[in-house]
mmCIF file of all heavy atoms, coordinates in Angstrom:
data_MODEL
# 
_entry.id   MODEL 
# 
loop_
_atom_site.group_PDB 
_atom_site.id 
_atom_site.type_symbol 
_atom_site.label_atom_id 
_atom_site.label_alt_id 
_atom_site.label_comp_id 
_atom_site.label_asym_id 
_atom_site.label_entity_id 
_atom_site.label_seq_id 
_atom_site.pdbx_PDB_ins_code 
_atom_site.Cartn_x 
_atom_site.Cartn_y 
_atom_site.Cartn_z 
_atom_site.occupancy 
_atom_site.B_iso_or_equiv 
_atom_site.pdbx_formal_charge 
_atom_site.auth_seq_id 
_atom_site.auth_comp_id 
_atom_site.auth_asym_id 
_atom_site.auth_atom_id 
_atom_site.pdbx_PDB_model_num 
ATOM 1   N N   . VAL A 1 1  ? -69.360 44.767 -102.796 1.00 0.00 ? 1  VAL A N   1 
ATOM 2   C CA  . VAL A 1 1  ? -68.511 43.843 -102.037 1.00 0.00 ? 1  VAL A CA  1 
ATOM 3   C C   . VAL A 1 1  ? -68.732 42.405 -102.517 1.00 0.00 ? 1  VAL A C   1 
ATOM 4   O O   . VAL A 1 1  ? -67.792 41.614 -102.522 1.00 0.00 ? 1  VAL A O   1 
ATOM 5   C CB  . VAL A 1 1  ? -68.682 43.945 -100.498 1.00 0.00 ? 1  VAL A CB  1 
ATOM 6   C CG1 . VAL A 1 1  ? -68.315 45.334 -100.010 1.00 0.00 ? 1  VAL A CG1 1 
ATOM 7   C CG2 . VAL A 1 1  ? -70.047 43.544 -100.040 1.00 0.00 ? 1  VAL A CG2 1 
ATOM 8   N N   . GLY A 1 2  ? -69.942 42.102 -102.917 1.00 0.00 ? 2  GLY A N   1 
ATOM 9   C CA  . GLY A 1 2  ? -70.224 40.770 -103.458 1.00 0.00 ? 2  GLY A CA  1 
ATOM 10  C C   . GLY A 1 2  ? -69.404 40.466 -104.690 1.00 0.00 ? 2  GLY A C   1 
ATOM 11  O O   . GLY A 1 2  ? -68.887 39.350 -104.868 1.00 0.00 ? 2  GLY A O   1 
ATOM 12  N N   . GLU A 1 3  ? -69.240 41.477 -105.562 1.00 0.00 ? 3  GLU A N   1 
ATOM 13  C CA  . GLU A 1 3  ? -68.422 41.304 -106.764 1.00 0.00 ? 3  GLU A CA  1 
ATOM 14  C C   . GLU A 1 3  ? -66.972 41.017 -106.404 1.00 0.00 ? 3  GLU A C   1 
ATOM 15  O O   . GLU A 1 3  ? -66.342 40.124 -106.975 1.00 0.00 ? 3  GLU A O   1 
ATOM 16  C CB  . GLU A 1 3  ? -68.507 42.544 -107.650 1.00 0.00 ? 3  GLU A CB  1 
ATOM 17  C CG  . GLU A 1 3  ? -69.861 42.705 -108.324 1.00 0.00 ? 3  GLU A CG  1 
ATOM 18  C CD  . GLU A 1 3  ? -70.024 44.063 -109.009 1.00 0.00 ? 3  GLU A CD  1 
ATOM 19  O OE1 . GLU A 1 3  ? -69.009 44.774 -109.204 1.00 0.00 ? 3  GLU A OE1 1 
ATOM 20  O OE2 . GLU A 1 3  ? -71.180 44.405 -109.333 1.00 0.00 ? 3  GLU A OE2 1 
ATOM 21  N N   . LYS A 1 4  ? -66.423 41.754 -105.431 1.00 0.00 ? 4  LYS A N   1 
ATOM 22  C CA  . LYS A 1 4  ? -65.037 41.520 -105.003 1.00 0.00 ? 4  LYS A CA  1 
ATOM 23  C C   . LYS A 1 4  ? -64.887 40.169 -104.325 1.00 0.00 ? 4  LYS A C   1 
ATOM 24  O O   . LYS A 1 4  ? -63.913 39.454 -104.547 1.00 0.00 ? 4  LYS A O   1 
ATOM 25  C CB  . LYS A 1 4  ? -64.559 42.619 -104.061 1.00 0.00 ? 4  LYS A CB  1 
ATOM 26  C CG  . LYS A 1 4  ? -64.105 43.849 -104.747 1.00 0.00 ? 4  LYS A CG  1 
ATOM 27  C CD  . LYS A 1 4  ? -62.824 43.602 -105.538 1.00 0.00 ? 4  LYS A CD  1 
ATOM 28  C CE  . LYS A 1 4  ? -62.322 44.918 -106.067 1.00 0.00 ? 4  LYS A CE  1 
ATOM 29  N NZ  . LYS A 1 4  ? -61.607 44.822 -107.317 1.00 0.00 ? 4  LYS A NZ  1 
ATOM 30  N N   . LEU A 1 5  ? -65.835 39.831 -103.476 1.00 0.00 ? 5  LEU A N   1 
ATOM 31  C CA  . LEU A 1 5  ? -65.783 38.537 -102.811 1.00 0.00 ? 5  LEU A CA  1 
ATOM 32  C C   . LEU A 1 5  ? -65.789 37.397 -103.841 1.00 0.00 ? 5  LEU A C   1 
ATOM 33  O O   . LEU A 1 5  ? -65.045 36.426 -103.704 1.00 0.00 ? 5  LEU A O   1 
ATOM 34  C CB  . LEU A 1 5  ? -66.960 38.366 -101.847 1.00 0.00 ? 5  LEU A CB  1 
ATOM 35  C CG  . LEU A 1 5  ? -66.848 39.080 -100.506 1.00 0.00 ? 5  LEU A CG  1 
ATOM 36  C CD1 . LEU A 1 5  ? -68.202 39.080 -99.785  1.00 0.00 ? 5  LEU A CD1 1 
ATOM 37  C CD2 . LEU A 1 5  ? -65.786 38.459 -99.632  1.00 0.00 ? 5  LEU A CD2 1 
ATOM 38  N N   . ALA A 1 6  ? -66.607 37.535 -104.886 1.00 0.00 ? 6  ALA A N   1 
ATOM 39  C CA  . ALA A 1 6  ? -66.685 36.500 -105.914 1.00 0.00 ? 6  ALA A CA  1 
ATOM 40  C C   . ALA A 1 6  ? -65.355 36.338 -106.648 1.00 0.00 ? 6  ALA A C   1 
ATOM 41  O O   . ALA A 1 6  ? -64.991 35.240 -107.040 1.00 0.00 ? 6  ALA A O   1 
ATOM 42  C CB  . ALA A 1 6  ? -67.808 36.816 -106.899 1.00 0.00 ? 6  ALA A CB  1 
ATOM 43  N N   . VAL A 1 7  ? -64.601 37.427 -106.809 1.00 0.00 ? 7  VAL A N   1 
ATOM 44  C CA  . VAL A 1 7  ? -63.299 37.364 -107.476 1.00 0.00 ? 7  VAL A CA  1 
ATOM 45  C C   . VAL A 1 7  ? -62.277 36.659 -106.590 1.00 0.00 ? 7  VAL A C   1 
ATOM 46  O O   . VAL A 1 7  ? -61.571 35.749 -107.037 1.00 0.00 ? 7  VAL A O   1 
ATOM 47  C CB  . VAL A 1 7  ? -62.808 38.796 -107.827 1.00 0.00 ? 7  VAL A CB  1 
ATOM 48  C CG1 . VAL A 1 7  ? -61.338 38.767 -108.283 1.00 0.00 ? 7  VAL A CG1 1 
ATOM 49  C CG2 . VAL A 1 7  ? -63.683 39.422 -108.903 1.00 0.00 ? 7  VAL A CG2 1 
ATOM 50  N N   . PHE A 1 8  ? -62.187 37.077 -105.345 1.00 0.00 ? 8  PHE A N   1 
ATOM 51  C CA  . PHE A 1 8  ? -61.143 36.565 -104.457 1.00 0.00 ? 8  PHE A CA  1 
ATOM 52  C C   . PHE A 1 8  ? -61.550 35.311 -103.682 1.00 0.00 ? 8  PHE A C   1 
ATOM 53  O O   . PHE A 1 8  ? -60.682 34.539 -103.261 1.00 0.00 ? 8  PHE A O   1 
ATOM 54  C CB  . PHE A 1 8  ? -60.726 37.664 -103.466 1.00 0.00 ? 8  PHE A CB  1 
ATOM 55  C CG  . PHE A 1 8  ? -60.023 38.814 -104.130 1.00 0.00 ? 8  PHE A CG  1 
ATOM 56  C CD1 . PHE A 1 8  ? -60.639 40.050 -104.195 1.00 0.00 ? 8  PHE A CD1 1 
ATOM 57  C CD2 . PHE A 1 8  ? -58.779 38.649 -104.699 1.00 0.00 ? 8  PHE A CD2 1 
ATOM 58  C CE1 . PHE A 1 8  ? -60.003 41.121 -104.807 1.00 0.00 ? 8  PHE A CE1 1 
ATOM 59  C CE2 . PHE A 1 8  ? -58.136 39.713 -105.315 1.00 0.00 ? 8  PHE A CE2 1 
ATOM 60  C CZ  . PHE A 1 8  ? -58.745 40.945 -105.376 1.00 0.00 ? 8  PHE A CZ  1 
ATOM 61  N N   . PHE A 1 9  ? -62.845 35.131 -103.469 1.00 0.00 ? 9  PHE A N   1 
ATOM 62  C CA  . PHE A 1 9  ? -63.341 33.972 -102.720 1.00 0.00 ? 9  PHE A CA  1 
ATOM 63  C C   . PHE A 1 9  ? -64.523 33.366 -103.455 1.00 0.00 ? 9  PHE A C   1 
ATOM 64  O O   . PHE A 1 9  ? -65.664 33.429 -102.988 1.00 0.00 ? 9  PHE A O   1 
ATOM 65  C CB  . PHE A 1 9  ? -63.772 34.387 -101.308 1.00 0.00 ? 9  PHE A CB  1 
ATOM 66  C CG  . PHE A 1 9  ? -62.660 34.986 -100.493 1.00 0.00 ? 9  PHE A CG  1 
ATOM 67  C CD1 . PHE A 1 9  ? -62.485 36.367 -100.436 1.00 0.00 ? 9  PHE A CD1 1 
ATOM 68  C CD2 . PHE A 1 9  ? -61.771 34.181 -99.795  1.00 0.00 ? 9  PHE A CD2 1 
ATOM 69  C CE1 . PHE A 1 9  ? -61.461 36.928 -99.702  1.00 0.00 ? 9  PHE A CE1 1 
ATOM 70  C CE2 . PHE A 1 9  ? -60.749 34.731 -99.047  1.00 0.00 ? 9  PHE A CE2 1 
ATOM 71  C CZ  . PHE A 1 9  ? -60.588 36.111 -98.997  1.00 0.00 ? 9  PHE A CZ  1 
ATOM 72  N N   . PRO A 1 10 ? -64.295 32.810 -104.648 1.00 0.00 ? 10 PRO A N   1 
ATOM 73  C CA  . PRO A 1 10 ? -65.422 32.277 -105.421 1.00 0.00 ? 10 PRO A CA  1 
ATOM 74  C C   . PRO A 1 10 ? -66.139 31.158 -104.699 1.00 0.00 ? 10 PRO A C   1 
ATOM 75  O O   . PRO A 1 10 ? -65.547 30.442 -103.883 1.00 0.00 ? 10 PRO A O   1 
ATOM 76  C CB  . PRO A 1 10 ? -64.758 31.779 -106.712 1.00 0.00 ? 10 PRO A CB  1 
ATOM 77  C CG  . PRO A 1 10 ? -63.313 31.628 -106.394 1.00 0.00 ? 10 PRO A CG  1 
ATOM 78  C CD  . PRO A 1 10 ? -63.010 32.574 -105.261 1.00 0.00 ? 10 PRO A CD  1 
ATOM 79  N N   . TRP A 1 11 ? -67.402 31.018 -105.034 1.00 0.00 ? 11 TRP A N   1 
ATOM 80  C CA  . TRP A 1 11 ? -68.220 29.972 -104.433 1.00 0.00 ? 11 TRP A CA  1 
ATOM 81  C C   . TRP A 1 11 ? -67.648 28.613 -104.824 1.00 0.00 ? 11 TRP A C   1 
ATOM 82  O O   . TRP A 1 11 ? -67.176 28.411 -105.954 1.00 0.00 ? 11 TRP A O   1 
ATOM 83  C CB  . TRP A 1 11 ? -69.670 30.089 -104.914 1.00 0.00 ? 11 TRP A CB  1 
ATOM 84  C CG  . TRP A 1 11 ? -70.575 29.086 -104.285 1.00 0.00 ? 11 TRP A CG  1 
ATOM 85  C CD1 . TRP A 1 11 ? -71.202 29.191 -103.090 1.00 0.00 ? 11 TRP A CD1 1 
ATOM 86  C CD2 . TRP A 1 11 ? -70.949 27.825 -104.829 1.00 0.00 ? 11 TRP A CD2 1 
ATOM 87  N NE1 . TRP A 1 11 ? -71.937 28.058 -102.844 1.00 0.00 ? 11 TRP A NE1 1 
ATOM 88  C CE2 . TRP A 1 11 ? -71.794 27.203 -103.900 1.00 0.00 ? 11 TRP A CE2 1 
ATOM 89  C CE3 . TRP A 1 11 ? -70.631 27.146 -106.001 1.00 0.00 ? 11 TRP A CE3 1 
ATOM 90  C CZ2 . TRP A 1 11 ? -72.349 25.947 -104.093 1.00 0.00 ? 11 TRP A CZ2 1 
ATOM 91  C CZ3 . TRP A 1 11 ? -71.177 25.888 -106.201 1.00 0.00 ? 11 TRP A CZ3 1 
ATOM 92  C CH2 . TRP A 1 11 ? -72.026 25.299 -105.260 1.00 0.00 ? 11 TRP A CH2 1 
ATOM 93  N N   . ASP A 1 12 ? -67.724 27.680 -103.925 1.00 0.00 ? 12 ASP A N   1 
ATOM 94  C CA  . ASP A 1 12 ? -67.250 26.328 -104.144 1.00 0.00 ? 12 ASP A CA  1 
ATOM 95  C C   . ASP A 1 12 ? -68.364 25.386 -103.718 1.00 0.00 ? 12 ASP A C   1 
ATOM 96  O O   . ASP A 1 12 ? -69.129 25.702 -102.809 1.00 0.00 ? 12 ASP A O   1 
ATOM 97  C CB  . ASP A 1 12 ? -65.975 26.091 -103.297 1.00 0.00 ? 12 ASP A CB  1 
ATOM 98  C CG  . ASP A 1 12 ? -65.392 24.729 -103.512 1.00 0.00 ? 12 ASP A CG  1 
ATOM 99  O OD1 . ASP A 1 12 ? -65.925 23.744 -102.977 1.00 0.00 ? 12 ASP A OD1 1 
ATOM 100 O OD2 . ASP A 1 12 ? -64.373 24.632 -104.239 1.00 0.00 ? 12 ASP A OD2 1 
ATOM 101 N N   . GLU A 1 13 ? -68.449 24.238 -104.319 1.00 0.00 ? 13 GLU A N   1 
ATOM 102 C CA  . GLU A 1 13 ? -69.539 23.306 -103.998 1.00 0.00 ? 13 GLU A CA  1 
ATOM 103 C C   . GLU A 1 13 ? -69.538 22.867 -102.535 1.00 0.00 ? 13 GLU A C   1 
ATOM 104 O O   . GLU A 1 13 ? -70.558 22.405 -102.023 1.00 0.00 ? 13 GLU A O   1 
ATOM 105 C CB  . GLU A 1 13 ? -69.524 22.105 -104.929 1.00 0.00 ? 13 GLU A CB  1 
ATOM 106 C CG  . GLU A 1 13 ? -68.276 21.264 -104.831 1.00 0.00 ? 13 GLU A CG  1 
ATOM 107 C CD  . GLU A 1 13 ? -68.203 20.193 -105.896 1.00 0.00 ? 13 GLU A CD  1 
ATOM 108 O OE1 . GLU A 1 13 ? -68.681 20.438 -107.019 1.00 0.00 ? 13 GLU A OE1 1 
ATOM 109 O OE2 . GLU A 1 13 ? -67.688 19.114 -105.591 1.00 0.00 ? 13 GLU A OE2 1 
ATOM 110 N N   . ASP A 1 14 ? -68.409 23.008 -101.857 1.00 0.00 ? 14 ASP A N   1 
ATOM 111 C CA  . ASP A 1 14 ? -68.340 22.643 -100.440 1.00 0.00 ? 14 ASP A CA  1 
ATOM 112 C C   . ASP A 1 14 ? -68.753 23.791 -99.508  1.00 0.00 ? 14 ASP A C   1 
ATOM 113 O O   . ASP A 1 14 ? -68.807 23.621 -98.293  1.00 0.00 ? 14 ASP A O   1 
ATOM 114 C CB  . ASP A 1 14 ? -66.908 22.225 -100.063 1.00 0.00 ? 14 ASP A CB  1 
ATOM 115 C CG  . ASP A 1 14 ? -66.461 20.965 -100.781 1.00 0.00 ? 14 ASP A CG  1 
ATOM 116 O OD1 . ASP A 1 14 ? -67.348 20.145 -101.122 1.00 0.00 ? 14 ASP A OD1 1 
ATOM 117 O OD2 . ASP A 1 14 ? -65.256 20.805 -100.999 1.00 0.00 ? 14 ASP A OD2 1 
ATOM 118 N N   . ASP A 1 15 ? -69.031 24.970 -100.080 1.00 0.00 ? 15 ASP A N   1 
ATOM 119 C CA  . ASP A 1 15 ? -69.377 26.128 -99.254  1.00 0.00 ? 15 ASP A CA  1 
ATOM 120 C C   . ASP A 1 15 ? -70.721 25.954 -98.574  1.00 0.00 ? 15 ASP A C   1 
ATOM 121 O O   . ASP A 1 15 ? -71.656 25.397 -99.159  1.00 0.00 ? 15 ASP A O   1 
ATOM 122 C CB  . ASP A 1 15 ? -69.411 27.407 -100.097 1.00 0.00 ? 15 ASP A CB  1 
ATOM 123 C CG  . ASP A 1 15 ? -68.038 27.876 -100.493 1.00 0.00 ? 15 ASP A CG  1 
ATOM 124 O OD1 . ASP A 1 15 ? -67.055 27.520 -99.811  1.00 0.00 ? 15 ASP A OD1 1 
ATOM 125 O OD2 . ASP A 1 15 ? -67.937 28.605 -101.512 1.00 0.00 ? 15 ASP A OD2 1 
ATOM 126 N N   . THR A 1 16 ? -70.812 26.463 -97.355  1.00 0.00 ? 16 THR A N   1 
ATOM 127 C CA  . THR A 1 16 ? -72.070 26.507 -96.632  1.00 0.00 ? 16 THR A CA  1 
ATOM 128 C C   . THR A 1 16 ? -72.282 27.938 -96.163  1.00 0.00 ? 16 THR A C   1 
ATOM 129 O O   . THR A 1 16 ? -71.317 28.690 -95.981  1.00 0.00 ? 16 THR A O   1 
ATOM 130 C CB  . THR A 1 16 ? -72.053 25.576 -95.389  1.00 0.00 ? 16 THR A CB  1 
ATOM 131 O OG1 . THR A 1 16 ? -70.974 25.979 -94.538  1.00 0.00 ? 16 THR A OG1 1 
ATOM 132 C CG2 . THR A 1 16 ? -71.895 24.119 -95.777  1.00 0.00 ? 16 THR A CG2 1 
ATOM 133 N N   . ASN A 1 17 ? -73.520 28.308 -95.982  1.00 0.00 ? 17 ASN A N   1 
ATOM 134 C CA  . ASN A 1 17 ? -73.852 29.631 -95.466  1.00 0.00 ? 17 ASN A CA  1 
ATOM 135 C C   . ASN A 1 17 ? -73.544 29.599 -93.966  1.00 0.00 ? 17 ASN A C   1 
ATOM 136 O O   . ASN A 1 17 ? -74.286 29.003 -93.192  1.00 0.00 ? 17 ASN A O   1 
ATOM 137 C CB  . ASN A 1 17 ? -75.317 29.975 -95.744  1.00 0.00 ? 17 ASN A CB  1 
ATOM 138 C CG  . ASN A 1 17 ? -75.625 31.423 -95.487  1.00 0.00 ? 17 ASN A CG  1 
ATOM 139 O OD1 . ASN A 1 17 ? -74.737 32.234 -95.226  1.00 0.00 ? 17 ASN A OD1 1 
ATOM 140 N ND2 . ASN A 1 17 ? -76.893 31.769 -95.583  1.00 0.00 ? 17 ASN A ND2 1 
ATOM 141 N N   . GLU A 1 18 ? -72.438 30.225 -93.575  1.00 0.00 ? 18 GLU A N   1 
ATOM 142 C CA  . GLU A 1 18 ? -71.962 30.128 -92.203  1.00 0.00 ? 18 GLU A CA  1 
ATOM 143 C C   . GLU A 1 18 ? -72.725 31.027 -91.236  1.00 0.00 ? 18 GLU A C   1 
ATOM 144 O O   . GLU A 1 18 ? -72.748 30.782 -90.033  1.00 0.00 ? 18 GLU A O   1 
ATOM 145 C CB  . GLU A 1 18 ? -70.478 30.461 -92.137  1.00 0.00 ? 18 GLU A CB  1 
ATOM 146 C CG  . GLU A 1 18 ? -69.596 29.529 -92.921  1.00 0.00 ? 18 GLU A CG  1 
ATOM 147 C CD  . GLU A 1 18 ? -68.142 29.912 -92.902  1.00 0.00 ? 18 GLU A CD  1 
ATOM 148 O OE1 . GLU A 1 18 ? -67.504 29.712 -91.841  1.00 0.00 ? 18 GLU A OE1 1 
ATOM 149 O OE2 . GLU A 1 18 ? -67.655 30.448 -93.907  1.00 0.00 ? 18 GLU A OE2 1 
ATOM 150 N N   . LEU A 1 19 ? -73.325 32.098 -91.730  1.00 0.00 ? 19 LEU A N   1 
ATOM 151 C CA  . LEU A 1 19 ? -74.001 33.076 -90.869  1.00 0.00 ? 19 LEU A CA  1 
ATOM 152 C C   . LEU A 1 19 ? -75.364 33.431 -91.462  1.00 0.00 ? 19 LEU A C   1 
ATOM 153 O O   . LEU A 1 19 ? -75.549 33.409 -92.670  1.00 0.00 ? 19 LEU A O   1 
ATOM 154 C CB  . LEU A 1 19 ? -73.146 34.347 -90.756  1.00 0.00 ? 19 LEU A CB  1 
ATOM 155 C CG  . LEU A 1 19 ? -71.758 34.147 -90.135  1.00 0.00 ? 19 LEU A CG  1 
ATOM 156 C CD1 . LEU A 1 19 ? -70.944 35.413 -90.286  1.00 0.00 ? 19 LEU A CD1 1 
ATOM 157 C CD2 . LEU A 1 19 ? -71.878 33.762 -88.669  1.00 0.00 ? 19 LEU A CD2 1 
ATOM 158 N N   . PRO A 1 20 ? -76.322 33.828 -90.607  1.00 0.00 ? 20 PRO A N   1 
ATOM 159 C CA  . PRO A 1 20 ? -77.649 34.194 -91.102  1.00 0.00 ? 20 PRO A CA  1 
ATOM 160 C C   . PRO A 1 20 ? -77.604 35.424 -92.012  1.00 0.00 ? 20 PRO A C   1 
ATOM 161 O O   . PRO A 1 20 ? -76.711 36.269 -91.877  1.00 0.00 ? 20 PRO A O   1 
ATOM 162 C CB  . PRO A 1 20 ? -78.433 34.533 -89.818  1.00 0.00 ? 20 PRO A CB  1 
ATOM 163 C CG  . PRO A 1 20 ? -77.583 34.100 -88.688  1.00 0.00 ? 20 PRO A CG  1 
ATOM 164 C CD  . PRO A 1 20 ? -76.193 33.924 -89.164  1.00 0.00 ? 20 PRO A CD  1 
ATOM 165 N N   . ASP A 1 21 ? -78.547 35.522 -92.917  1.00 0.00 ? 21 ASP A N   1 
ATOM 166 C CA  . ASP A 1 21 ? -78.615 36.636 -93.868  1.00 0.00 ? 21 ASP A CA  1 
ATOM 167 C C   . ASP A 1 21 ? -79.524 37.769 -93.378  1.00 0.00 ? 21 ASP A C   1 
ATOM 168 O O   . ASP A 1 21 ? -79.538 38.834 -93.961  1.00 0.00 ? 21 ASP A O   1 
ATOM 169 C CB  . ASP A 1 21 ? -79.105 36.147 -95.227  1.00 0.00 ? 21 ASP A CB  1 
ATOM 170 C CG  . ASP A 1 21 ? -78.165 35.104 -95.822  1.00 0.00 ? 21 ASP A CG  1 
ATOM 171 O OD1 . ASP A 1 21 ? -76.953 35.187 -95.584  1.00 0.00 ? 21 ASP A OD1 1 
ATOM 172 O OD2 . ASP A 1 21 ? -78.670 34.198 -96.524  1.00 0.00 ? 21 ASP A OD2 1 
ATOM 173 N N   . GLN A 1 22 ? -80.304 37.523 -92.337  1.00 0.00 ? 22 GLN A N   1 
ATOM 174 C CA  . GLN A 1 22 ? -81.258 38.515 -91.832  1.00 0.00 ? 22 GLN A CA  1 
ATOM 175 C C   . GLN A 1 22 ? -80.535 39.768 -91.322  1.00 0.00 ? 22 GLN A C   1 
ATOM 176 O O   . GLN A 1 22 ? -79.425 39.697 -90.823  1.00 0.00 ? 22 GLN A O   1 
ATOM 177 C CB  . GLN A 1 22 ? -82.117 37.950 -90.711  1.00 0.00 ? 22 GLN A CB  1 
ATOM 178 C CG  . GLN A 1 22 ? -83.237 37.069 -91.193  1.00 0.00 ? 22 GLN A CG  1 
ATOM 179 C CD  . GLN A 1 22 ? -82.782 35.771 -91.829  1.00 0.00 ? 22 GLN A CD  1 
ATOM 180 O OE1 . GLN A 1 22 ? -81.744 35.225 -91.458  1.00 0.00 ? 22 GLN A OE1 1 
ATOM 181 N NE2 . GLN A 1 22 ? -83.496 35.312 -92.815  1.00 0.00 ? 22 GLN A NE2 1 
ATOM 182 N N   . ILE A 1 23 ? -81.221 40.890 -91.431  1.00 0.00 ? 23 ILE A N   1 
ATOM 183 C CA  . ILE A 1 23 ? -80.733 42.137 -90.849  1.00 0.00 ? 23 ILE A CA  1 
ATOM 184 C C   . ILE A 1 23 ? -80.891 42.031 -89.349  1.00 0.00 ? 23 ILE A C   1 
ATOM 185 O O   . ILE A 1 23 ? -81.971 41.667 -88.850  1.00 0.00 ? 23 ILE A O   1 
ATOM 186 C CB  . ILE A 1 23 ? -81.507 43.345 -91.405  1.00 0.00 ? 23 ILE A CB  1 
ATOM 187 C CG1 . ILE A 1 23 ? -81.258 43.480 -92.907  1.00 0.00 ? 23 ILE A CG1 1 
ATOM 188 C CG2 . ILE A 1 23 ? -81.119 44.623 -90.666  1.00 0.00 ? 23 ILE A CG2 1 
ATOM 189 C CD1 . ILE A 1 23 ? -82.121 44.517 -93.600  1.00 0.00 ? 23 ILE A CD1 1 
ATOM 190 N N   . THR A 1 24 ? -79.828 42.340 -88.609  1.00 0.00 ? 24 THR A N   1 
ATOM 191 C CA  . THR A 1 24 ? -79.896 42.295 -87.143  1.00 0.00 ? 24 THR A CA  1 
ATOM 192 C C   . THR A 1 24 ? -79.988 43.706 -86.601  1.00 0.00 ? 24 THR A C   1 
ATOM 193 O O   . THR A 1 24 ? -79.609 44.684 -87.256  1.00 0.00 ? 24 THR A O   1 
ATOM 194 C CB  . THR A 1 24 ? -78.677 41.558 -86.566  1.00 0.00 ? 24 THR A CB  1 
ATOM 195 O OG1 . THR A 1 24 ? -77.491 42.157 -87.038  1.00 0.00 ? 24 THR A OG1 1 
ATOM 196 C CG2 . THR A 1 24 ? -78.708 40.076 -86.934  1.00 0.00 ? 24 THR A CG2 1 
# 
């Protein structure tokens, strides 16, 4: 899914990590 996200929603310098990465 990361590969697909990178294609359709590439990282931009304005991007912020909107949600925690921890397993809930």
